[in-house]
Amino acid sequence: MQIIAHRGASGEYPENTLLAIEQAITQGADAIEIDVFAVQGELIVIHDHHLARTTNGTGSIYQYSIEQLMQLDAGRGERIPTLRQVLQLLQNTRLWLNIELKGENTVAPLLALLDKAKQELQFDSQRLLISSFNHHLLAALKLAQPELKLGALTASLPLDYAAFAQQLQAHSVNCDVSFINQAFVDDAKARGLKVYVYTVDQADDLSRLQQYGVDGIFSNYPARSRTLLSTDN
């Protein structure tokens, strides 16, 4: 079972910052999950479009220029990173990256950035999983770049289980720990899908998901989750 650092090692460090990602790498995570919004055509790494929860700013990200957003404190003196900065940080590592698309107007900037990253950073897009709760964005991505791996997010237990993810030609289905069960996992596997579950920080959940046979979990504490997995085995 792979451990995906949820917004980096966000249980101990400011979420979605380069510091949290660096620490997740050090802690032995298999992958990093981040959230991105598009502002003025630039993809920035932040979970909320309102700034108050994670920065010293107020109001919406859309009220600011990129330059102004880069001046905000995202915790411990960290800045809001750009997606390009995250790709640069991961460039020479073995980790893969889950990019969750937030808000609208993210598809075109993402495709443009991935093209640049391939040319300038030699970053292989096969190391990426692009996810979203907005399945229309995922469908648009698949149409534009069929080789991209997609993660279909759900915060429910659909009547037809993982059929929606198969319809999107997704690589994985990313499901809320509150709704996951053995039947859902079995259905997803039968459809050829990977199963990743968020957000998993409790030992009993970790043990249960391991028994279900899920492929990975999103954790705010990657080092602790790694220890728990080792102990369980």
Foldseek 3Di string as FASTA:
>chain_A
DFEEAEQALVVVFQGVFPVSNVVNVVLPHQAYEFEWEAEPLFTWTDDDQADVPQWVDGDGPNVDHPVVQQPIQRGPNTGTGTVVVVCQVCLPPNHAYEYEYDDPDPQVSVVVVVVVCCVPSVRDQVSYEYEYCPLVSLLVNCVVPVVHAYEYEDAEQDPQQCVVCVVSVHQAYEYELVHDDLVNLVSQVVSNHAYEYDDDDDLVSLVRVVVSVHDYYHYSRSNVSVVSVVVSD
